[in-house]
Amino acid sequence: MEAKFADKLKQEIPPESLTEDNGIIFYLDNKFITGDNEKFMKMYNWMSNGYDIAETVIGKIKYGNSIKKCRQGLMNRLEWRNGIDVLYVSIGTGKDIQFIPSSIDLKTVDFTGIDISLGMLKECKKKYSSKTNLTLVNCCGESLPFKDNQFDIVFHIGGINFFNDKELAINEMIRVAKPGTKLLIADETADYIDKQYKNSILSKKYFKDKTFDLSGFENLIPNTLKEKKTELIWEDKFYCITFRK
């Protein structure tokens, strides 16, 4: 574990208490590995090896270049600059890294990615660890090991709809963001969940009887935050919420 990462940890978490294997640091709180968290962790572990291939091949056939445009648009909403500390909650395979604006020198960015799925983190490490200063942590969005006011950019794309405790995860992202930071949260709309995930042979068993209430989710974001904005993007398949701490 590098010293610069150890400096990001909460005071009550000694660096030596964390284990590391093949470049991935472990801070998985078992009290959160229940219910939907456990179910979707298993789903993403199972899907991890072929996840990007499915998007590249099947996604291209079904949606053309619109997925790439969606990812690019989300990255463009964030306030990138060289030499900053970035946290990506639920980084998955890290696909969005390639859509960070080309004006940014990724080698100057201190990039931390967390995910509940070890399988997805392994894929991310293989594909993107050489492209930026990337540290990967296997942990839950509801329990981040980092100090308050640590990161210049904090964002989440995909997954929070079915976190066990969405409000806690939102508050954790806010807690670790520096004052003035613009945060972004994006995920699938209820309509897209119904049309896509409930009908796909690969995912329908995980999404059976699942739904998502966007207005209820918006109400979980504290009113004390500034510049709250909700957009429907990618032909209403995704929502994107931005706000400033």
Protein backbone atom coordinates (compact mmCIF):
# COMPACT_ATOMS: atom_id res chain seq x y z
CA MET A 1 0.00 0.00 0.00
CA GLU A 2 1.41 3.37 -1.02
CA ALA A 3 1.86 6.07 1.59
CA LYS A 4 -0.31 8.56 -0.33
CA PHE A 5 -3.24 6.14 -0.11
CA ALA A 6 -2.62 5.46 3.58
CA ASP A 7 -2.85 9.21 4.17
CA LYS A 8 -6.43 9.18 2.81
CA LEU A 9 -7.68 6.71 5.43
CA LYS A 10 -9.71 7.59 8.48
CA GLN A 11 -7.59 7.97 11.58
CA GLU A 12 -9.28 4.97 13.19
CA ILE A 13 -8.25 2.68 10.31
CA PRO A 14 -4.55 1.75 10.64
CA PRO A 15 -3.12 0.96 7.18
CA GLU A 16 -1.65 -2.26 8.52
CA SER A 17 -5.18 -3.47 9.37
CA LEU A 18 -6.08 -3.65 5.68
CA THR A 19 -5.13 -6.59 3.52
CA GLU A 20 -4.05 -6.30 -0.10
CA ASP A 21 -3.90 -8.88 -2.86
CA ASN A 22 -2.69 -8.34 -6.41
CA GLY A 23 -2.95 -4.59 -6.01
CA ILE A 24 -6.51 -4.55 -4.64
CA ILE A 25 -7.08 -3.35 -1.06
CA PHE A 26 -9.82 -4.97 1.05
CA TYR A 27 -12.17 -3.09 3.36
CA LEU A 28 -15.40 -5.06 3.01
CA ASP A 29 -17.73 -4.58 5.98
CA ASN A 30 -19.69 -7.81 6.31
CA LYS A 31 -22.65 -6.12 7.97
CA PHE A 32 -23.46 -4.60 4.57
CA ILE A 33 -23.06 -7.86 2.63
CA THR A 34 -26.71 -8.80 2.97
CA GLY A 35 -29.90 -8.40 0.96
CA ASP A 36 -29.56 -6.57 -2.35
CA ASN A 37 -25.91 -5.74 -1.75
CA GLU A 38 -25.05 -9.42 -1.55
CA LYS A 39 -27.30 -10.37 -4.46
CA PHE A 40 -25.91 -7.79 -6.86
CA MET A 41 -22.34 -8.36 -5.69
CA LYS A 42 -22.74 -11.98 -6.79
CA MET A 43 -24.33 -10.88 -10.07
CA TYR A 44 -21.47 -8.55 -10.95
CA ASN A 45 -18.85 -11.08 -9.90
CA TRP A 46 -20.48 -13.59 -12.23
CA MET A 47 -20.78 -11.10 -15.11
CA SER A 48 -17.37 -9.46 -14.68
CA ASN A 49 -15.34 -11.42 -17.24
CA GLY A 50 -17.71 -10.70 -20.10
CA TYR A 51 -19.19 -7.38 -18.97
CA ASP A 52 -17.25 -5.07 -21.29
CA ILE A 53 -17.48 -7.50 -24.20
CA ALA A 54 -21.27 -7.54 -23.88
CA GLU A 55 -21.40 -3.74 -23.97
CA THR A 56 -18.98 -3.53 -26.88
CA VAL A 57 -20.69 -6.15 -29.04
CA ILE A 58 -24.33 -6.43 -27.98
CA GLY A 59 -24.59 -2.82 -26.87
CA LYS A 60 -23.16 -1.62 -30.18
CA ILE A 61 -25.67 -3.68 -32.15
CA LYS A 62 -28.62 -2.55 -30.05
CA TYR A 63 -27.73 1.06 -29.34
CA GLY A 64 -25.05 2.09 -31.83
CA ASN A 65 -22.70 4.73 -30.43
CA SER A 66 -25.23 6.10 -27.94
CA ILE A 67 -23.67 4.31 -24.93
CA LYS A 68 -20.30 5.92 -25.66
CA LYS A 69 -21.98 9.32 -26.03
CA CYS A 70 -23.76 8.80 -22.71
CA ARG A 71 -20.52 7.94 -20.90
CA GLN A 72 -18.74 10.88 -22.52
CA GLY A 73 -21.52 13.24 -21.51
CA LEU A 74 -21.38 12.10 -17.90
CA MET A 75 -17.62 12.58 -17.70
CA ASN A 76 -17.95 16.04 -19.25
CA ARG A 77 -20.30 17.09 -16.43
CA LEU A 78 -17.51 16.73 -13.88
CA GLU A 79 -14.90 19.39 -13.14
CA TRP A 80 -11.71 17.70 -14.28
CA ARG A 81 -8.28 19.22 -13.97
CA ASN A 82 -4.76 17.88 -13.66
CA GLY A 83 -3.28 16.89 -10.33
CA ILE A 84 -6.49 16.17 -8.41
CA ASP A 85 -7.78 13.44 -6.08
CA VAL A 86 -10.73 11.52 -7.58
CA LEU A 87 -13.07 8.93 -6.08
CA TYR A 88 -15.25 6.73 -8.28
CA VAL A 89 -17.80 4.83 -6.20
CA SER A 90 -18.79 1.55 -7.94
CA ILE A 91 -16.03 1.83 -10.53
CA GLY A 92 -16.88 -1.56 -12.04
CA THR A 93 -14.53 -2.41 -14.91
CA GLY A 94 -13.41 1.21 -15.10
CA LYS A 95 -14.86 1.78 -18.57
CA ASP A 96 -15.62 5.44 -17.88
CA ILE A 97 -11.93 6.24 -17.41
CA GLN A 98 -11.44 6.21 -21.17
CA PHE A 99 -14.04 8.99 -21.51
CA ILE A 100 -12.34 11.49 -19.21
CA PRO A 101 -11.62 14.59 -21.33
CA SER A 102 -8.49 14.16 -23.46
CA SER A 103 -7.11 17.46 -22.17
CA ILE A 104 -6.49 15.76 -18.80
CA ASP A 105 -3.14 14.07 -18.18
CA LEU A 106 -4.33 10.94 -16.41
CA LYS A 107 -0.86 10.29 -15.04
CA THR A 108 -1.26 13.40 -12.84
CA VAL A 109 -4.63 12.28 -11.43
CA ASP A 110 -4.71 10.32 -8.15
CA PHE A 111 -7.62 8.03 -8.92
CA THR A 112 -9.32 5.81 -6.32
CA GLY A 113 -12.01 3.35 -7.35
CA ILE A 114 -14.14 1.32 -4.97
CA ASP A 115 -16.54 -1.52 -5.71
CA ILE A 116 -18.36 -4.23 -3.83
CA SER A 117 -17.55 -6.68 -6.65
CA LEU A 118 -14.06 -8.12 -6.54
CA GLY A 119 -14.55 -9.58 -10.01
CA MET A 120 -15.21 -6.15 -11.50
CA LEU A 121 -12.20 -4.66 -9.69
CA LYS A 122 -9.93 -7.36 -11.13
CA GLU A 123 -11.12 -6.48 -14.63
CA CYS A 124 -10.57 -2.79 -13.93
CA LYS A 125 -7.04 -3.38 -12.71
CA LYS A 126 -6.12 -5.37 -15.82
CA LYS A 127 -7.41 -2.70 -18.19
CA TYR A 128 -6.69 0.64 -16.54
CA SER A 129 -4.01 0.40 -13.83
CA SER A 130 -1.32 1.45 -16.30
CA LYS A 131 -3.27 4.46 -17.59
CA THR A 132 -3.53 6.49 -14.39
CA ASN A 133 -2.46 6.43 -10.73
CA LEU A 134 -5.21 3.98 -9.87
CA THR A 135 -5.88 2.51 -6.42
CA LEU A 136 -8.69 -0.04 -6.14
CA VAL A 137 -10.56 -0.90 -2.94
CA ASN A 138 -13.04 -3.72 -2.40
CA CYS A 139 -15.61 -2.07 -0.13
CA CYS A 140 -19.25 -1.00 0.08
CA GLY A 141 -20.54 2.43 -0.88
CA GLU A 142 -22.20 2.66 2.53
CA SER A 143 -18.88 2.32 4.36
CA LEU A 144 -16.00 4.25 2.82
CA PRO A 145 -12.65 4.06 4.65
CA PHE A 146 -11.60 7.61 3.79
CA LYS A 147 -11.20 10.81 5.78
CA ASP A 148 -13.69 13.65 5.55
CA ASN A 149 -13.10 16.29 2.87
CA GLN A 150 -10.57 14.22 0.94
CA PHE A 151 -11.49 14.21 -2.78
CA ASP A 152 -11.74 16.91 -5.46
CA ILE A 153 -14.18 14.84 -7.57
CA VAL A 154 -16.60 12.19 -6.28
CA PHE A 155 -18.96 10.36 -8.60
CA HIS A 156 -21.03 7.22 -8.97
CA ILE A 157 -22.40 5.67 -12.16
CA GLY A 158 -24.54 2.54 -11.99
CA GLY A 159 -25.51 0.47 -8.96
CA ILE A 160 -26.88 2.75 -6.26
CA ASN A 161 -30.50 2.08 -7.25
CA PHE A 162 -30.34 -1.16 -5.30
CA PHE A 163 -27.85 -0.45 -2.55
CA ASN A 164 -29.15 -1.62 0.82
CA ASP A 165 -28.89 1.89 2.24
CA LYS A 166 -28.93 4.49 -0.52
CA GLU A 167 -29.11 7.44 1.87
CA LEU A 168 -26.04 6.30 3.78
CA ALA A 169 -24.11 5.83 0.52
CA ILE A 170 -25.05 9.35 -0.61
CA ASN A 171 -23.96 10.79 2.72
CA GLU A 172 -20.67 8.90 2.57
CA MET A 173 -19.92 10.40 -0.87
CA ILE A 174 -20.71 13.86 0.45
CA ARG A 175 -18.61 13.31 3.58
CA VAL A 176 -15.42 12.43 1.70
CA ALA A 177 -15.78 15.21 -0.90
CA LYS A 178 -13.97 18.48 -0.31
CA PRO A 179 -16.08 21.60 0.29
CA GLY A 180 -17.06 23.07 -3.07
CA THR A 181 -16.81 19.73 -4.87
CA LYS A 182 -19.32 18.95 -7.61
CA LEU A 183 -20.67 15.40 -7.16
CA LEU A 184 -22.47 13.25 -9.72
CA ILE A 185 -24.76 10.24 -9.29
CA ALA A 186 -26.21 8.44 -12.30
CA ASP A 187 -28.05 5.16 -12.80
CA GLU A 188 -30.82 3.52 -14.80
CA THR A 189 -34.40 4.79 -14.75
CA ALA A 190 -37.26 2.54 -13.65
CA ASP A 191 -38.54 2.32 -17.23
CA TYR A 192 -35.19 1.07 -18.53
CA ILE A 193 -34.92 -1.43 -15.69
CA ASP A 194 -38.31 -2.82 -16.67
CA LYS A 195 -37.58 -2.97 -20.40
CA GLN A 196 -33.97 -4.13 -20.31
CA TYR A 197 -32.92 -5.89 -17.12
CA LYS A 198 -36.20 -7.63 -16.36
CA ASN A 199 -36.26 -9.10 -19.86
CA SER A 200 -32.60 -10.06 -20.32
CA ILE A 201 -31.87 -13.75 -19.81
CA LEU A 202 -28.65 -12.74 -18.04
CA SER A 203 -30.16 -10.40 -15.47
CA LYS A 204 -33.90 -10.97 -15.11
CA LYS A 205 -33.65 -13.26 -12.10
CA TYR A 206 -31.77 -10.54 -10.18
CA PHE A 207 -34.22 -7.76 -11.07
CA LYS A 208 -37.46 -9.67 -10.59
CA ASP A 209 -39.92 -7.55 -8.56
CA LYS A 210 -37.40 -4.67 -8.44
CA THR A 211 -38.32 -1.06 -9.13
CA PHE A 212 -36.86 2.38 -8.50
CA ASP A 213 -38.45 5.63 -7.35
CA LEU A 214 -36.44 8.56 -8.68
CA SER A 215 -38.36 11.24 -6.79
CA GLY A 216 -37.87 9.35 -3.53
CA PHE A 217 -34.17 9.02 -4.30
CA GLU A 218 -33.84 12.76 -4.99
CA ASN A 219 -35.33 13.44 -1.56
CA LEU A 220 -32.43 11.56 0.04
CA ILE A 221 -29.99 14.25 -1.07
CA PRO A 222 -29.76 16.91 1.66
CA ASN A 223 -31.38 20.24 0.85
CA THR A 224 -28.35 22.01 2.28
CA LEU A 225 -26.37 21.12 -0.85
CA LYS A 226 -26.09 23.61 -3.67
CA GLU A 227 -26.86 23.50 -7.40
CA LYS A 228 -28.97 20.34 -7.27
CA LYS A 229 -29.94 19.30 -10.77
CA THR A 230 -31.63 16.17 -12.13
CA GLU A 231 -31.50 15.29 -15.82
CA LEU A 232 -32.86 12.40 -17.85
CA ILE A 233 -30.27 11.36 -20.43
CA TRP A 234 -29.68 8.67 -23.06
CA GLU A 235 -33.30 8.89 -24.25
CA ASP A 236 -34.56 8.69 -20.64
CA LYS A 237 -32.76 5.41 -19.93
CA PHE A 238 -30.54 7.08 -17.32
CA TYR A 239 -30.93 9.80 -14.76
CA CYS A 240 -28.07 12.06 -13.75
CA ILE A 241 -28.08 14.07 -10.52
CA THR A 242 -25.40 16.67 -9.85
CA PHE A 243 -24.92 18.86 -6.79
CA ARG A 244 -22.22 20.80 -4.99
CA LYS A 245 -21.03 20.36 -1.42
